[in-house]
Every structure is written in structure tokens, then in C-alpha cells.
């Protein structure tokens, strides 16, 4: 695993802050409610450490998987703990384990993921295209195994541990960007670092 300078990590944090601002605006428009997103943790970590931040392997998680195609090959994985997914659905009077609840989480994950991807594309001048979101519900270890089996060349993760506030209700989530081997270095080079 490569190490990164403070300047490089600051650039990735800035990317995260811009992405969270855009995501908050887009989410607020879709949900018709006030939304605030903060990113207390932004780091590039080896995969095992990144996974540990998201929880224990047998923890139930609701997730949204968005693949990034084009100039940067990566997978975006958003993970909601069960209680936070329930809180988010409850704000809209939806039951979590229903098609409508699942659809809401998928749309929220889609907006969050594509907002970050769009900022990344704009800041790096790369043509990036997100695929349709794939909502998942499973143990954290099973979700990650499925993602990693589909991609055998992931070397690390950009981790944005985020807090989402919707109408005063707080929901935590983990945002993992899993680029193909060499992708983080490619990203930093495109940022001029």
C-alpha cells in the first residue's frame, strides 16, 4: 500500500467536502426536506482497515453498489447500519424491508454516489459514468465478498465516513470508493498531485 502526503490527503478531503455539499443539495431536492451531510473522516486505507471502519463481518448492512465506468474504473459502495436505514425510511413513513423502503435507500445511495462521482469527474476532467445502483441487504462480510469477487484487483479504498442529517434525524453511513489497482495514484495525478 502506498503512503500519501498531507497535501494529497487534503485534496481527497476537499473532493469529499465538495461531493457531500452537492449530494446534500441533490438529496434535499429529491426528498423535499432539509439535508445536511458532514464527512468527519476522509482517508485512503488498505482494504482490511477500510472494511473494519464499516463494522463487523456479521453486522447486517443495507448497501448500494454503484460501478464507475469510463476513465476511472472503480466501485462505490455505500453502507447503512440497520438502525440508520430504518431511521431514514421512517422519516418517510416507510417500512425498511419493503419494496418501497428498499427503493428509497437505492435512490438515496444513487444520489450520494453519483454526486461524488460527478465531482470527481469535474475535478479530474475524466469522463466517468455511474451504472444504475444495486441495493443490497446482507451481512457486511457477504456484501464485501460479493463486491471483491467481482473485482480481484482492488488495492485500497477511499473512505468517507459520513453523517447524514435529514430534518434533524441523524443517519450514519460509510462511503467506500474501491478503485482498480493503481486507481488512487491515477486520481491524484489527475488532480495534479
Foldseek 3Di string as FASTA:
>chain_A
DDDDDPVLQVVQVVLVVQLQVQLQVVVCVVVVFHKHKDFPDWDKFFAVVLLVVQHDQQFKWKKKWKFKDFPFGKIKIKIFGPVLLCVVQVVVPHGCPDPVSQVVVQVSNVSSVVSSVVSLCVLLVTDMDIDRMDIDIGGSNVVVVVVCVVPVAFGIWTKGFMWMATNNDITTMIIIITTGPCRSVVSSVSNVD
